Amino acid sequence: MAKDSVQIPDDLDFRSFREECRSESGWTMKYNKPGITVWIQMMEEDKSSHKIKCRMVCKDVSSEILYDVLHDAEYRRKWDENMVETFDIGKLTVNADVGYYAWRCPKPLKNRDVVTLRSWLPMGNDYIIMNYSVKHSKYPPRKERVRAVSIQTGYLVETNGENRCTLTYLAQVDPKGSLPKWVVNQSWQLLAPKAMKKMYKACLKYPEWKQKHNPAYKPWLHPEQSTLLNIQLSELSIQHADSLENIDESGILEAKDEKGEASDEDSVN
C-alpha cells in the first residue's frame, strides 16, 4: 500500500492484504491465549513503526454480523471506549470513503487521530476492510491531538461455518510522538487483546441493538443509502510521517494502573 499518490485499492491490493493476514512467516508471536493470538513484526527500514497482527476466533458470531459491526459507526460509539471522535468526510466510490478517527491513549500521553482513505470488499466468503492515511486541507492536525499515520491498517473476516468466523486485525501505524517502549509493548500485551474481546462482546449484542436502530440502514451493503458527499482524489494527498511534528513523549513514566497483561476474565471462548 506504500504509494507516491493517493489511489483506491484494487483487487490485487485486497488479495495481498488477505495473504499477509493469513501468513505467519516473518512474524513473532507475543501473545497466545484461548481464542486470541498476537504477533508483531519489527520494520528494519522504519524503526518508528511496527506491524501488529491480532487474530480472534469468534464463536456464535457470523461473518456477516462481524462485518456489520466493523462498519456501523453509530454502534461503534456505543461499544468502543477508546474512541474519542469519528466522522465521515466524503465518499470516493461505492466501496471507498475518507474519514476521521481519534482515539484515547494511556494518560498522560496525548490522544491520537488519523484521516484515512478506507475501502472494503467482500471476497467469496471473506470480507476485507482496510485503510491508509491521507491528507485533506480541511482536516489538518489539531493542537490537542497527535496526528498518527496509518501506513496500512485493516480487518480480514473469514467465515468458518454458519455461526462462526475468524477476525484478523493487521496494522502498521506510526503513532508519532516518540512513544516510550512500555506503550508500544502494551499494544500487544494488553490493548490489542482487550479491544478484540470488547469487539466480540459487541458482536453478540449487535443484532438486538440493530433491530431498534434503523435496522434496514446499511450503506456499506447498500450504497444507494449513502448520503455522503462525493470528493475527488485530487483533494487528497499521501500523509507522510516525516512531514508531521514529532512530539517527544519518550520521558513519560508508565502509570501503575496501566501495567499488566490482559485479563482472562473476558475470554471469548
Protein backbone atom coordinates (compact mmCIF):
# COMPACT_ATOMS: atom_id res chain seq x y z
CA MET A 1 0.00 0.00 0.00
CA ALA A 2 3.03 2.32 0.05
CA LYS A 3 2.28 4.67 -2.84
CA ASP A 4 3.52 8.03 -4.04
CA SER A 5 0.00 9.23 -4.86
CA VAL A 6 -3.46 8.57 -3.47
CA GLN A 7 -5.04 5.56 -5.12
CA ILE A 8 -8.11 3.50 -4.44
CA PRO A 9 -7.04 -0.10 -3.70
CA ASP A 10 -7.67 -2.64 -6.44
CA ASP A 11 -8.31 -6.40 -6.31
CA LEU A 12 -4.58 -7.10 -6.17
CA ASP A 13 -4.23 -4.91 -3.07
CA PHE A 14 -7.06 -6.74 -1.34
CA ARG A 15 -5.64 -10.17 -2.20
CA SER A 16 -2.20 -9.12 -0.98
CA PHE A 17 -3.69 -7.90 2.31
CA ARG A 18 -5.54 -11.19 2.80
CA GLU A 19 -2.37 -13.19 2.16
CA GLU A 20 -0.45 -11.16 4.74
CA CYS A 21 -3.22 -11.63 7.29
CA ARG A 22 -3.06 -15.40 6.79
CA SER A 23 0.72 -15.74 6.71
CA GLU A 24 2.79 -16.30 9.86
CA SER A 25 6.16 -16.18 8.10
CA GLY A 26 8.36 -13.40 9.45
CA TRP A 27 6.09 -12.75 12.43
CA THR A 28 6.95 -13.19 16.12
CA MET A 29 4.19 -14.46 18.41
CA LYS A 30 3.85 -12.29 21.51
CA TYR A 31 0.51 -13.32 22.99
CA ASN A 32 -1.34 -16.62 22.75
CA LYS A 33 -4.36 -17.36 24.91
CA PRO A 34 -7.59 -19.22 24.14
CA GLY A 35 -9.28 -17.54 21.20
CA ILE A 36 -6.73 -14.75 20.64
CA THR A 37 -3.19 -14.66 19.24
CA VAL A 38 -1.00 -11.60 18.68
CA TRP A 39 2.13 -11.32 16.52
CA ILE A 40 4.47 -8.40 15.84
CA GLN A 41 6.92 -7.67 13.07
CA MET A 42 9.58 -5.02 13.54
CA MET A 43 10.26 -2.90 10.47
CA GLU A 44 14.00 -2.51 9.89
CA GLU A 45 13.55 0.27 7.35
CA ASP A 46 11.28 2.28 9.64
CA LYS A 47 12.08 1.90 13.34
CA SER A 48 9.37 4.36 14.33
CA SER A 49 6.67 1.89 13.39
CA HIS A 50 5.99 -1.81 13.70
CA LYS A 51 3.38 -4.20 12.44
CA ILE A 52 0.94 -5.90 14.75
CA LYS A 53 -1.41 -8.74 13.86
CA CYS A 54 -4.16 -9.95 16.16
CA ARG A 55 -6.36 -12.95 15.33
CA MET A 56 -9.53 -13.89 17.19
CA VAL A 57 -11.85 -16.86 16.80
CA CYS A 58 -15.46 -15.79 17.20
CA LYS A 59 -17.99 -18.42 18.29
CA ASP A 60 -21.71 -17.72 17.93
CA VAL A 61 -20.97 -14.80 15.59
CA SER A 62 -21.45 -14.93 11.83
CA SER A 63 -19.04 -13.21 9.48
CA GLU A 64 -21.92 -11.03 8.24
CA ILE A 65 -22.60 -9.72 11.75
CA LEU A 66 -18.93 -9.03 12.41
CA TYR A 67 -18.62 -7.19 9.10
CA ASP A 68 -21.64 -5.03 10.01
CA VAL A 69 -20.19 -4.21 13.44
CA LEU A 70 -16.90 -3.11 11.90
CA HIS A 71 -18.77 -0.75 9.56
CA ASP A 72 -21.51 0.62 11.82
CA ALA A 73 -20.17 3.94 13.14
CA GLU A 74 -23.30 4.63 15.20
CA TYR A 75 -22.92 1.33 17.04
CA ARG A 76 -19.17 1.89 17.45
CA ARG A 77 -19.91 4.99 19.51
CA LYS A 78 -21.73 2.70 21.94
CA TRP A 79 -19.10 -0.02 22.48
CA ASP A 80 -15.70 1.45 21.52
CA GLU A 81 -14.44 3.04 24.75
CA ASN A 82 -11.16 4.04 23.08
CA MET A 83 -12.88 6.22 20.51
CA VAL A 84 -12.87 9.97 21.12
CA GLU A 85 -14.44 11.11 17.86
CA THR A 86 -15.22 9.75 14.42
CA PHE A 87 -16.97 11.06 11.32
CA ASP A 88 -17.10 10.54 7.58
CA ILE A 89 -15.61 13.22 5.33
CA GLY A 90 -16.88 12.03 1.95
CA LYS A 91 -17.12 9.12 -0.45
CA LEU A 92 -14.88 8.32 -3.41
CA THR A 93 -16.68 5.26 -4.83
CA VAL A 94 -19.38 2.82 -3.70
CA ASN A 95 -16.78 0.98 -1.60
CA ALA A 96 -14.26 3.70 -0.68
CA ASP A 97 -14.54 6.77 1.52
CA VAL A 98 -12.46 9.18 3.61
CA GLY A 99 -12.98 9.57 7.33
CA TYR A 100 -11.61 10.89 10.61
CA TYR A 101 -10.98 8.84 13.76
CA ALA A 102 -9.49 9.89 17.11
CA TRP A 103 -8.68 7.52 19.97
CA ARG A 104 -7.60 7.69 23.59
CA CYS A 105 -4.06 6.93 24.67
CA PRO A 106 -2.98 5.99 28.21
CA LYS A 107 -2.59 9.12 30.34
CA PRO A 108 -0.59 11.34 30.36
CA LEU A 109 0.03 10.75 26.64
CA LYS A 110 -1.86 12.85 24.11
CA ASN A 111 -4.71 11.27 22.21
CA ARG A 112 -4.07 10.29 18.57
CA ASP A 113 -6.06 10.85 15.40
CA VAL A 114 -5.92 9.92 11.73
CA VAL A 115 -7.53 10.88 8.44
CA THR A 116 -7.74 7.78 6.26
CA LEU A 117 -8.90 6.51 2.92
CA ARG A 118 -10.91 3.41 3.73
CA SER A 119 -12.03 0.74 1.30
CA TRP A 120 -13.88 -2.54 1.67
CA LEU A 121 -14.66 -5.62 -0.39
CA PRO A 122 -16.42 -8.97 0.05
CA MET A 123 -14.20 -11.73 -1.38
CA GLY A 124 -16.10 -15.00 -1.63
CA ASN A 125 -16.89 -15.94 1.97
CA ASP A 126 -14.40 -13.40 3.30
CA TYR A 127 -14.71 -9.67 3.98
CA ILE A 128 -11.91 -7.10 3.98
CA ILE A 129 -11.81 -3.53 5.28
CA MET A 130 -8.55 -1.62 5.06
CA ASN A 131 -7.24 1.94 5.18
CA TYR A 132 -4.20 4.17 4.90
CA SER A 133 -3.54 7.79 5.90
CA VAL A 134 -4.21 10.72 3.60
CA LYS A 135 -4.13 14.50 3.93
CA HIS A 136 -7.16 16.71 3.36
CA SER A 137 -6.76 20.50 3.53
CA LYS A 138 -9.95 20.94 5.58
CA TYR A 139 -8.82 18.49 8.29
CA PRO A 140 -5.29 19.42 9.40
CA PRO A 141 -3.69 18.18 12.65
CA ARG A 142 -5.20 19.55 15.86
CA LYS A 143 -3.12 21.04 18.65
CA GLU A 144 -4.73 18.89 21.35
CA ARG A 145 -4.09 15.62 19.46
CA VAL A 146 -1.13 13.95 17.79
CA ARG A 147 -1.71 13.10 14.13
CA ALA A 148 -0.67 9.48 13.66
CA VAL A 149 -0.08 7.76 10.32
CA SER A 150 -1.74 4.55 9.22
CA ILE A 151 0.66 3.04 6.72
CA GLN A 152 -1.75 0.15 6.35
CA THR A 153 -4.47 -0.98 8.73
CA GLY A 154 -7.33 -3.36 8.20
CA TYR A 155 -9.51 -6.33 9.06
CA LEU A 156 -9.99 -9.71 7.45
CA VAL A 157 -13.18 -11.56 8.37
CA GLU A 158 -13.20 -15.24 7.40
CA THR A 159 -16.24 -17.49 7.51
CA ASN A 160 -15.69 -20.74 9.44
CA GLY A 161 -19.27 -22.01 9.46
CA GLU A 162 -22.85 -20.83 9.73
CA ASN A 163 -22.32 -19.01 13.00
CA ARG A 164 -18.56 -18.90 13.48
CA CYS A 165 -15.83 -16.75 12.00
CA THR A 166 -12.25 -15.57 12.46
CA LEU A 167 -11.21 -11.92 12.65
CA THR A 168 -7.66 -10.85 11.85
CA TYR A 169 -6.59 -7.27 12.59
CA LEU A 170 -3.42 -6.16 10.83
CA ALA A 171 -1.87 -2.74 11.37
CA GLN A 172 1.27 -0.82 10.60
CA VAL A 173 0.91 2.56 12.26
CA ASP A 174 3.41 5.28 13.06
CA PRO A 175 1.96 6.78 16.27
CA LYS A 176 4.38 9.73 16.15
CA GLY A 177 5.43 11.42 19.37
CA SER A 178 8.41 9.18 20.25
CA LEU A 179 6.30 6.90 22.41
CA PRO A 180 8.12 5.19 25.30
CA LYS A 181 8.75 1.47 24.90
CA TRP A 182 6.19 0.49 27.54
CA VAL A 183 3.38 1.97 25.42
CA VAL A 184 4.45 0.00 22.35
CA ASN A 185 4.69 -3.18 24.43
CA GLN A 186 1.21 -2.63 25.83
CA SER A 187 -0.22 -2.53 22.32
CA TRP A 188 0.28 -6.28 22.05
CA GLN A 189 0.33 -7.31 25.73
CA LEU A 190 -2.85 -5.58 26.80
CA LEU A 191 -4.55 -3.14 24.47
CA ALA A 192 -4.98 -5.25 21.31
CA PRO A 193 -6.36 -8.37 23.06
CA LYS A 194 -8.65 -6.24 25.22
CA ALA A 195 -10.00 -4.37 22.19
CA MET A 196 -10.65 -7.61 20.31
CA LYS A 197 -12.55 -9.10 23.26
CA LYS A 198 -14.68 -5.99 23.57
CA MET A 199 -15.44 -6.15 19.85
CA TYR A 200 -16.50 -9.78 20.20
CA LYS A 201 -18.92 -8.89 23.00
CA ALA A 202 -20.27 -6.06 20.86
CA CYS A 203 -20.96 -8.54 18.05
CA LEU A 204 -23.05 -10.71 20.35
CA LYS A 205 -25.26 -7.74 21.24
CA TYR A 206 -25.45 -6.17 17.78
CA PRO A 207 -28.48 -8.00 16.28
CA GLU A 208 -30.74 -6.95 19.15
CA TRP A 209 -29.38 -3.37 19.10
CA LYS A 210 -29.72 -3.03 15.33
CA GLN A 211 -33.35 -4.12 15.38
CA LYS A 212 -34.07 -1.00 17.44
CA HIS A 213 -31.84 1.38 15.47
CA ASN A 214 -32.76 1.74 11.81
CA PRO A 215 -32.37 -1.98 11.00
CA ALA A 216 -32.55 -1.57 7.23
CA TYR A 217 -29.86 1.12 7.07
CA LYS A 218 -26.56 -0.48 6.00
CA PRO A 219 -24.91 1.75 3.38
CA TRP A 220 -21.81 -0.47 3.37
CA LEU A 221 -24.03 -3.16 1.83
CA HIS A 222 -26.47 -0.85 0.04
CA PRO A 223 -24.51 2.08 -1.48
CA GLU A 224 -27.71 3.81 -2.59
CA GLN A 225 -28.43 4.54 1.09
CA SER A 226 -25.29 6.65 1.49
CA THR A 227 -25.82 10.38 1.99
CA LEU A 228 -22.11 11.26 1.91
CA LEU A 229 -20.96 13.96 -0.48
CA ASN A 230 -18.61 12.89 -3.26
CA ILE A 231 -14.99 14.00 -3.01
CA GLN A 232 -12.27 13.77 -5.62
CA LEU A 233 -8.90 12.05 -5.36
CA SER A 234 -7.37 15.39 -6.32
CA GLU A 235 -8.47 16.77 -2.93
CA LEU A 236 -6.22 14.25 -1.19
CA SER A 237 -2.50 13.58 -0.86
CA ILE A 238 -0.44 10.95 0.92
CA GLN A 239 0.17 11.67 4.61
CA HIS A 240 3.88 11.11 5.17
CA ALA A 241 5.01 10.64 8.76
CA ASP A 242 8.13 12.78 8.37
CA SER A 243 6.04 15.84 7.49
CA LEU A 244 4.31 15.85 10.88
CA GLU A 245 5.55 17.43 14.10
CA ASN A 246 7.29 14.87 16.29
CA ILE A 247 6.21 15.49 19.89
CA ASP A 248 8.63 13.95 22.40
CA GLU A 249 6.81 11.75 24.91
CA SER A 250 9.69 9.34 25.49
CA GLY A 251 10.29 10.55 29.05
CA ILE A 252 6.80 9.80 30.30
CA LEU A 253 6.79 7.21 33.08
CA GLU A 254 4.49 4.23 32.96
CA ALA A 255 1.37 4.68 35.04
CA LYS A 256 0.98 1.93 37.59
CA ASP A 257 -2.64 1.31 36.72
CA GLU A 258 -1.71 0.67 33.08
CA LYS A 259 0.64 -2.23 33.83
CA GLY A 260 -0.09 -5.88 33.43
CA GLU A 261 -1.44 -8.26 30.84
CA ALA A 262 -4.95 -8.63 29.54
CA SER A 263 -7.24 -10.33 31.99
CA ASP A 264 -8.63 -13.76 31.17
CA GLU A 265 -11.97 -12.70 32.64
CA ASP A 266 -13.09 -11.51 29.21
CA SER A 267 -12.15 -14.76 27.45
CA VAL A 268 -14.05 -15.05 24.20
CA ASN A 269 -14.44 -18.83 24.43
